[in-house]
Amino acid sequence: MKQSAIFWPMTVQVLLTLVVALRMYQTRIAELYRRRIRPQELATSRSALAASLENVAAADNFRNLFELPVLFFAVCPVLYITNGVTPLQLTLAWAFVLLRIAHSSIHITYNRVIHRFRVFVLSMLCVFSMWAVFAIHLWRDL
């Protein structure tokens, strides 16, 4: 198995983050124009809260893409460095990314919490499984 294959799911995850960022800016700028909010009114989180922005799903999802995916972005290069990329790890990595795409899609469209939560839990299981399989790989190398 080519070890560098682990970087493809990482690349798609970065692309997802870019797409959500663009969506966030699109909705935020549109709302600022529509409601005639001056950008300076959003200078701090307190003032942004006072402005009561209506469409925050993309911004919330963008922040979320820097929470659990941090564990994903940490394990992938470690797998590469330790020659731990296996078909199982690659499958878990792709499953994680596809579930994160589903999570983001739900979050920035109809935002049904129970659907989003189920997908989140599955993605969380994928990334923690990647770490568990990695730990077993390390243990065997002792």
N, C-alpha and C. Protein backbone atom coordinates (compact mmCIF):
# COMPACT_ATOMS: atom_id res chain seq x y z
N MET A 1 0.85 -1.18 0.00
CA MET A 1 0.00 0.00 0.00
C MET A 1 0.89 1.24 0.00
N LYS A 2 0.54 2.19 -0.83
CA LYS A 2 1.29 3.43 -0.91
C LYS A 2 0.94 4.31 0.30
N GLN A 3 1.91 4.59 1.14
CA GLN A 3 1.69 5.33 2.38
C GLN A 3 1.13 6.73 2.14
N SER A 4 1.53 7.36 1.05
CA SER A 4 1.08 8.73 0.79
C SER A 4 -0.41 8.82 0.46
N ALA A 5 -1.08 7.69 0.27
CA ALA A 5 -2.52 7.70 -0.02
C ALA A 5 -3.31 8.34 1.13
N ILE A 6 -2.74 8.37 2.32
CA ILE A 6 -3.43 8.95 3.48
C ILE A 6 -3.61 10.45 3.32
N PHE A 7 -2.82 11.06 2.44
CA PHE A 7 -2.92 12.51 2.27
C PHE A 7 -4.12 12.93 1.40
N TRP A 8 -4.70 12.00 0.65
CA TRP A 8 -5.88 12.35 -0.15
C TRP A 8 -7.10 12.67 0.71
N PRO A 9 -7.43 11.85 1.70
CA PRO A 9 -8.55 12.23 2.56
C PRO A 9 -8.28 13.56 3.30
N MET A 10 -7.04 13.79 3.68
CA MET A 10 -6.69 15.06 4.33
C MET A 10 -6.95 16.23 3.38
N THR A 11 -6.56 16.06 2.13
CA THR A 11 -6.75 17.11 1.13
C THR A 11 -8.22 17.41 0.93
N VAL A 12 -9.04 16.38 0.89
CA VAL A 12 -10.49 16.58 0.74
C VAL A 12 -11.06 17.28 1.97
N GLN A 13 -10.56 16.95 3.15
CA GLN A 13 -11.01 17.62 4.37
C GLN A 13 -10.67 19.11 4.32
N VAL A 14 -9.48 19.44 3.84
CA VAL A 14 -9.10 20.85 3.69
C VAL A 14 -10.02 21.54 2.67
N LEU A 15 -10.32 20.86 1.58
CA LEU A 15 -11.23 21.41 0.57
C LEU A 15 -12.61 21.66 1.18
N LEU A 16 -13.09 20.74 2.00
CA LEU A 16 -14.37 20.94 2.69
C LEU A 16 -14.31 22.21 3.54
N THR A 17 -13.22 22.41 4.25
CA THR A 17 -13.08 23.60 5.10
C THR A 17 -13.12 24.86 4.24
N LEU A 18 -12.49 24.83 3.08
CA LEU A 18 -12.53 25.97 2.17
C LEU A 18 -13.95 26.24 1.68
N VAL A 19 -14.66 25.19 1.30
CA VAL A 19 -16.04 25.35 0.82
C VAL A 19 -16.92 25.96 1.90
N VAL A 20 -16.79 25.48 3.13
CA VAL A 20 -17.60 26.03 4.23
C VAL A 20 -17.21 27.47 4.51
N ALA A 21 -15.92 27.79 4.43
CA ALA A 21 -15.47 29.17 4.64
C ALA A 21 -16.08 30.10 3.59
N LEU A 22 -16.08 29.67 2.33
CA LEU A 22 -16.68 30.48 1.27
C LEU A 22 -18.18 30.67 1.50
N ARG A 23 -18.84 29.61 1.92
CA ARG A 23 -20.28 29.69 2.24
C ARG A 23 -20.52 30.66 3.41
N MET A 24 -19.65 30.59 4.41
CA MET A 24 -19.76 31.48 5.57
C MET A 24 -19.65 32.93 5.13
N TYR A 25 -18.65 33.23 4.32
CA TYR A 25 -18.47 34.61 3.87
C TYR A 25 -19.63 35.05 2.99
N GLN A 26 -20.10 34.17 2.14
CA GLN A 26 -21.23 34.50 1.27
C GLN A 26 -22.47 34.86 2.09
N THR A 27 -22.81 34.04 3.08
CA THR A 27 -24.01 34.31 3.87
C THR A 27 -23.81 35.52 4.78
N ARG A 28 -22.62 35.67 5.33
CA ARG A 28 -22.35 36.79 6.24
C ARG A 28 -22.40 38.13 5.50
N ILE A 29 -21.76 38.21 4.36
CA ILE A 29 -21.74 39.46 3.59
C ILE A 29 -23.14 39.80 3.10
N ALA A 30 -23.88 38.79 2.64
CA ALA A 30 -25.25 39.02 2.19
C ALA A 30 -26.11 39.56 3.32
N GLU A 31 -25.95 39.01 4.52
CA GLU A 31 -26.74 39.48 5.67
C GLU A 31 -26.34 40.90 6.06
N LEU A 32 -25.06 41.20 6.02
CA LEU A 32 -24.62 42.56 6.35
C LEU A 32 -25.24 43.58 5.40
N TYR A 33 -25.24 43.27 4.12
CA TYR A 33 -25.86 44.18 3.15
C TYR A 33 -27.36 44.27 3.35
N ARG A 34 -28.01 43.12 3.48
CA ARG A 34 -29.47 43.08 3.60
C ARG A 34 -29.97 43.84 4.83
N ARG A 35 -29.25 43.67 5.94
CA ARG A 35 -29.70 44.29 7.19
C ARG A 35 -29.00 45.62 7.49
N ARG A 36 -28.15 46.04 6.54
CA ARG A 36 -27.41 47.31 6.67
C ARG A 36 -26.59 47.37 7.98
N ILE A 37 -25.90 46.27 8.25
CA ILE A 37 -25.02 46.21 9.42
C ILE A 37 -23.62 46.60 8.96
N ARG A 38 -23.03 47.53 9.66
CA ARG A 38 -21.66 47.93 9.35
C ARG A 38 -20.71 46.84 9.87
N PRO A 39 -19.70 46.48 9.10
CA PRO A 39 -18.77 45.43 9.53
C PRO A 39 -18.14 45.71 10.90
N GLN A 40 -17.91 46.97 11.22
CA GLN A 40 -17.29 47.31 12.51
C GLN A 40 -18.18 46.89 13.69
N GLU A 41 -19.47 46.76 13.45
CA GLU A 41 -20.38 46.32 14.51
C GLU A 41 -20.13 44.86 14.91
N LEU A 42 -19.32 44.16 14.13
CA LEU A 42 -19.00 42.76 14.41
C LEU A 42 -17.55 42.59 14.86
N ALA A 43 -16.94 43.68 15.31
CA ALA A 43 -15.51 43.67 15.64
C ALA A 43 -15.16 42.72 16.77
N THR A 44 -16.05 42.51 17.71
CA THR A 44 -15.80 41.59 18.81
C THR A 44 -16.97 40.61 18.90
N SER A 45 -16.76 39.52 19.61
CA SER A 45 -17.85 38.55 19.75
C SER A 45 -19.02 39.17 20.50
N ARG A 46 -18.75 40.05 21.45
CA ARG A 46 -19.82 40.71 22.20
C ARG A 46 -20.66 41.61 21.28
N SER A 47 -19.98 42.38 20.43
CA SER A 47 -20.72 43.26 19.53
C SER A 47 -21.43 42.46 18.44
N ALA A 48 -20.83 41.36 18.01
CA ALA A 48 -21.49 40.50 17.03
C ALA A 48 -22.75 39.89 17.61
N LEU A 49 -22.68 39.52 18.88
CA LEU A 49 -23.86 38.98 19.56
C LEU A 49 -24.96 40.04 19.63
N ALA A 50 -24.55 41.27 19.92
CA ALA A 50 -25.53 42.36 19.99
C ALA A 50 -26.18 42.62 18.64
N ALA A 51 -25.43 42.39 17.56
CA ALA A 51 -25.99 42.60 16.22
C ALA A 51 -26.99 41.52 15.86
N SER A 52 -27.04 40.44 16.62
CA SER A 52 -27.98 39.34 16.42
C SER A 52 -28.01 38.85 14.97
N LEU A 53 -26.89 38.36 14.53
CA LEU A 53 -26.84 37.81 13.17
C LEU A 53 -27.81 36.64 13.08
N GLU A 54 -28.51 36.56 11.98
CA GLU A 54 -29.54 35.55 11.82
C GLU A 54 -29.01 34.23 11.28
N ASN A 55 -28.13 34.29 10.30
CA ASN A 55 -27.66 33.08 9.63
C ASN A 55 -26.24 32.77 10.07
N VAL A 56 -26.10 31.96 11.11
CA VAL A 56 -24.79 31.65 11.67
C VAL A 56 -24.39 30.19 11.47
N ALA A 57 -25.18 29.42 10.77
CA ALA A 57 -24.89 27.98 10.63
C ALA A 57 -23.54 27.74 9.97
N ALA A 58 -23.23 28.46 8.90
CA ALA A 58 -21.95 28.23 8.22
C ALA A 58 -20.78 28.63 9.12
N ALA A 59 -20.93 29.72 9.86
CA ALA A 59 -19.87 30.14 10.79
C ALA A 59 -19.70 29.12 11.91
N ASP A 60 -20.80 28.61 12.42
CA ASP A 60 -20.73 27.58 13.46
C ASP A 60 -20.05 26.32 12.92
N ASN A 61 -20.40 25.94 11.70
CA ASN A 61 -19.81 24.75 11.11
C ASN A 61 -18.33 24.97 10.83
N PHE A 62 -17.97 26.16 10.39
CA PHE A 62 -16.56 26.46 10.14
C PHE A 62 -15.74 26.28 11.41
N ARG A 63 -16.24 26.80 12.52
CA ARG A 63 -15.54 26.62 13.80
C ARG A 63 -15.46 25.13 14.16
N ASN A 64 -16.54 24.40 13.89
CA ASN A 64 -16.57 22.98 14.19
C ASN A 64 -15.52 22.20 13.40
N LEU A 65 -15.17 22.71 12.21
CA LEU A 65 -14.17 22.03 11.38
C LEU A 65 -12.75 22.16 11.95
N PHE A 66 -12.62 22.89 13.04
CA PHE A 66 -11.32 23.00 13.71
C PHE A 66 -11.34 22.36 15.09
N GLU A 67 -12.34 21.53 15.33
CA GLU A 67 -12.43 20.82 16.61
C GLU A 67 -12.05 19.36 16.41
N LEU A 68 -12.99 18.49 16.16
CA LEU A 68 -12.70 17.06 15.98
C LEU A 68 -11.70 16.79 14.84
N PRO A 69 -11.78 17.49 13.71
CA PRO A 69 -10.81 17.21 12.64
C PRO A 69 -9.35 17.43 13.03
N VAL A 70 -9.09 18.15 14.11
CA VAL A 70 -7.71 18.31 14.57
C VAL A 70 -7.10 16.93 14.86
N LEU A 71 -7.88 16.05 15.46
CA LEU A 71 -7.38 14.69 15.74
C LEU A 71 -7.10 13.92 14.45
N PHE A 72 -7.91 14.17 13.44
CA PHE A 72 -7.71 13.55 12.13
C PHE A 72 -6.43 14.07 11.49
N PHE A 73 -6.27 15.40 11.53
CA PHE A 73 -5.08 16.00 10.93
C PHE A 73 -3.80 15.62 11.69
N ALA A 74 -3.93 15.21 12.92
CA ALA A 74 -2.76 14.76 13.68
C ALA A 74 -2.42 13.31 13.37
N VAL A 75 -3.41 12.44 13.26
CA VAL A 75 -3.13 11.01 13.09
C VAL A 75 -2.63 10.68 11.68
N CYS A 76 -3.11 11.38 10.68
CA CYS A 76 -2.72 11.02 9.31
C CYS A 76 -1.21 11.14 9.05
N PRO A 77 -0.58 12.27 9.38
CA PRO A 77 0.88 12.32 9.16
C PRO A 77 1.64 11.33 10.04
N VAL A 78 1.12 11.07 11.25
CA VAL A 78 1.77 10.09 12.13
C VAL A 78 1.71 8.71 11.49
N LEU A 79 0.59 8.38 10.89
CA LEU A 79 0.48 7.09 10.19
C LEU A 79 1.49 7.01 9.05
N TYR A 80 1.62 8.09 8.32
CA TYR A 80 2.57 8.13 7.20
C TYR A 80 4.01 7.94 7.70
N ILE A 81 4.36 8.68 8.73
CA ILE A 81 5.73 8.66 9.26
C ILE A 81 6.09 7.27 9.81
N THR A 82 5.13 6.62 10.44
CA THR A 82 5.41 5.33 11.07
C THR A 82 5.09 4.14 10.17
N ASN A 83 4.80 4.42 8.90
CA ASN A 83 4.46 3.36 7.95
C ASN A 83 3.23 2.58 8.41
N GLY A 84 2.27 3.31 8.99
CA GLY A 84 1.08 2.68 9.54
C GLY A 84 -0.16 2.81 8.68
N VAL A 85 0.00 3.28 7.45
CA VAL A 85 -1.16 3.40 6.56
C VAL A 85 -1.49 2.00 6.02
N THR A 86 -2.67 1.53 6.39
CA THR A 86 -3.15 0.21 5.95
C THR A 86 -4.49 0.41 5.25
N PRO A 87 -4.98 -0.61 4.58
CA PRO A 87 -6.32 -0.47 3.98
C PRO A 87 -7.38 -0.08 5.02
N LEU A 88 -7.28 -0.64 6.23
CA LEU A 88 -8.24 -0.29 7.28
C LEU A 88 -8.14 1.20 7.64
N GLN A 89 -6.92 1.68 7.84
CA GLN A 89 -6.73 3.09 8.20
C GLN A 89 -7.23 4.00 7.08
N LEU A 90 -6.95 3.64 5.85
CA LEU A 90 -7.39 4.46 4.72
C LEU A 90 -8.92 4.46 4.61
N THR A 91 -9.53 3.32 4.86
CA THR A 91 -11.00 3.24 4.86
C THR A 91 -11.58 4.11 5.96
N LEU A 92 -11.00 4.04 7.15
CA LEU A 92 -11.47 4.88 8.26
C LEU A 92 -11.29 6.36 7.94
N ALA A 93 -10.18 6.70 7.31
CA ALA A 93 -9.92 8.10 6.95
C ALA A 93 -10.96 8.61 5.96
N TRP A 94 -11.23 7.82 4.92
CA TRP A 94 -12.24 8.24 3.94
C TRP A 94 -13.63 8.28 4.56
N ALA A 95 -13.93 7.34 5.43
CA ALA A 95 -15.23 7.35 6.10
C ALA A 95 -15.36 8.62 6.94
N PHE A 96 -14.30 8.97 7.66
CA PHE A 96 -14.32 10.20 8.47
C PHE A 96 -14.63 11.41 7.60
N VAL A 97 -13.91 11.53 6.50
CA VAL A 97 -14.08 12.70 5.63
C VAL A 97 -15.48 12.73 5.02
N LEU A 98 -15.96 11.60 4.55
CA LEU A 98 -17.31 11.56 3.97
C LEU A 98 -18.37 11.91 5.01
N LEU A 99 -18.18 11.44 6.22
CA LEU A 99 -19.12 11.77 7.30
C LEU A 99 -19.03 13.25 7.65
N ARG A 100 -17.84 13.84 7.60
CA ARG A 100 -17.70 15.27 7.87
C ARG A 100 -18.36 16.09 6.77
N ILE A 101 -18.29 15.60 5.53
CA ILE A 101 -18.99 16.28 4.44
C ILE A 101 -20.49 16.23 4.69
N ALA A 102 -20.98 15.07 5.10
CA ALA A 102 -22.41 14.93 5.41
C ALA A 102 -22.78 15.84 6.57
N HIS A 103 -21.95 15.88 7.61
CA HIS A 103 -22.20 16.73 8.77
C HIS A 103 -22.29 18.20 8.36
N SER A 104 -21.34 18.65 7.57
CA SER A 104 -21.35 20.04 7.12
C SER A 104 -22.56 20.33 6.25
N SER A 105 -22.89 19.39 5.39
CA SER A 105 -24.05 19.58 4.51
C SER A 105 -25.33 19.73 5.32
N ILE A 106 -25.49 18.91 6.32
CA ILE A 106 -26.67 19.01 7.19
C ILE A 106 -26.64 20.34 7.94
N HIS A 107 -25.48 20.67 8.49
CA HIS A 107 -25.35 21.87 9.32
C HIS A 107 -25.68 23.14 8.56
N ILE A 108 -25.22 23.26 7.31
CA ILE A 108 -25.41 24.52 6.59
C ILE A 108 -26.66 24.52 5.70
N THR A 109 -27.43 23.43 5.75
CA THR A 109 -28.69 23.44 5.00
C THR A 109 -29.87 23.38 5.97
N TYR A 110 -30.43 22.21 6.17
CA TYR A 110 -31.64 22.14 6.98
C TYR A 110 -31.37 22.03 8.48
N ASN A 111 -30.18 21.69 8.88
CA ASN A 111 -29.70 21.74 10.27
C ASN A 111 -30.57 21.00 11.28
N ARG A 112 -30.94 19.80 10.96
CA ARG A 112 -31.68 18.96 11.91
C ARG A 112 -30.68 18.36 12.89
N VAL A 113 -30.74 18.75 14.14
CA VAL A 113 -29.72 18.42 15.13
C VAL A 113 -29.53 16.92 15.29
N ILE A 114 -30.58 16.14 15.35
CA ILE A 114 -30.44 14.70 15.57
C ILE A 114 -29.71 14.04 14.40
N HIS A 115 -29.97 14.51 13.18
CA HIS A 115 -29.26 13.97 12.01
C HIS A 115 -27.78 14.35 12.09
N ARG A 116 -27.53 15.60 12.40
CA ARG A 116 -26.16 16.09 12.52
C ARG A 116 -25.42 15.34 13.62
N PHE A 117 -26.09 15.12 14.74
CA PHE A 117 -25.48 14.44 15.87
C PHE A 117 -25.09 13.01 15.52
N ARG A 118 -25.97 12.29 14.85
CA ARG A 118 -25.68 10.90 14.47
C ARG A 118 -24.45 10.82 13.57
N VAL A 119 -24.39 11.71 12.59
CA VAL A 119 -23.25 11.72 11.68
C VAL A 119 -21.98 12.11 12.43
N PHE A 120 -22.11 13.07 13.36
CA PHE A 120 -20.96 13.49 14.16
C PHE A 120 -20.42 12.32 14.97
N VAL A 121 -21.29 11.58 15.62
CA VAL A 121 -20.85 10.44 16.44
C VAL A 121 -20.15 9.40 15.58
N LEU A 122 -20.68 9.11 14.41
CA LEU A 122 -20.03 8.15 13.52
C LEU A 122 -18.65 8.64 13.10
N SER A 123 -18.54 9.92 12.78
CA SER A 123 -17.23 10.46 12.39
C SER A 123 -16.26 10.42 13.56
N MET A 124 -16.76 10.68 14.76
CA MET A 124 -15.93 10.63 15.96
C MET A 124 -15.42 9.19 16.18
N LEU A 125 -16.29 8.21 15.97
CA LEU A 125 -15.87 6.81 16.11
C LEU A 125 -14.78 6.47 15.09
N CYS A 126 -14.89 7.02 13.90
CA CYS A 126 -13.87 6.77 12.88
C CYS A 126 -12.51 7.29 13.32
N VAL A 127 -12.47 8.53 13.76
CA VAL A 127 -11.17 9.11 14.11
C VAL A 127 -10.59 8.45 15.37
N PHE A 128 -11.42 8.13 16.34
CA PHE A 128 -10.90 7.45 17.52
C PHE A 128 -10.47 6.01 17.18
N SER A 129 -11.14 5.39 16.23
CA SER A 129 -10.72 4.07 15.77
C SER A 129 -9.36 4.15 15.07
N MET A 130 -9.16 5.22 14.31
CA MET A 130 -7.85 5.41 13.67
C MET A 130 -6.76 5.48 14.73
N TRP A 131 -7.02 6.22 15.80
CA TRP A 131 -6.03 6.33 16.87
C TRP A 131 -5.85 4.99 17.59
N ALA A 132 -6.91 4.24 17.79
CA ALA A 132 -6.81 2.94 18.46
C ALA A 132 -5.99 1.97 17.61
N VAL A 133 -6.26 1.93 16.32
CA VAL A 133 -5.50 1.04 15.43
C VAL A 133 -4.04 1.48 15.39
N PHE A 134 -3.80 2.77 15.40
CA PHE A 134 -2.43 3.27 15.45
C PHE A 134 -1.73 2.83 16.74
N ALA A 135 -2.44 2.93 17.86
CA ALA A 135 -1.86 2.52 19.15
C ALA A 135 -1.49 1.03 19.13
N ILE A 136 -2.34 0.22 18.53
CA ILE A 136 -2.04 -1.22 18.40
C ILE A 136 -0.80 -1.40 17.54
N HIS A 137 -0.71 -0.66 16.47
CA HIS A 137 0.46 -0.70 15.59
C HIS A 137 1.73 -0.36 16.37
N LEU A 138 1.65 0.66 17.20
CA LEU A 138 2.80 1.05 18.04
C LEU A 138 3.15 -0.05 19.03
N TRP A 139 2.13 -0.60 19.64
CA TRP A 139 2.33 -1.65 20.66
C TRP A 139 3.06 -2.84 20.06
N ARG A 140 2.68 -3.21 18.85
CA ARG A 140 3.30 -4.38 18.20
C ARG A 140 4.76 -4.12 17.84
N ASP A 141 5.12 -2.83 17.68
CA ASP A 141 6.50 -2.49 17.33
C ASP A 141 7.42 -2.40 18.54
N LEU A 142 6.87 -2.58 19.75
CA LEU A 142 7.71 -2.51 20.95
C LEU A 142 8.69 -3.65 21.02
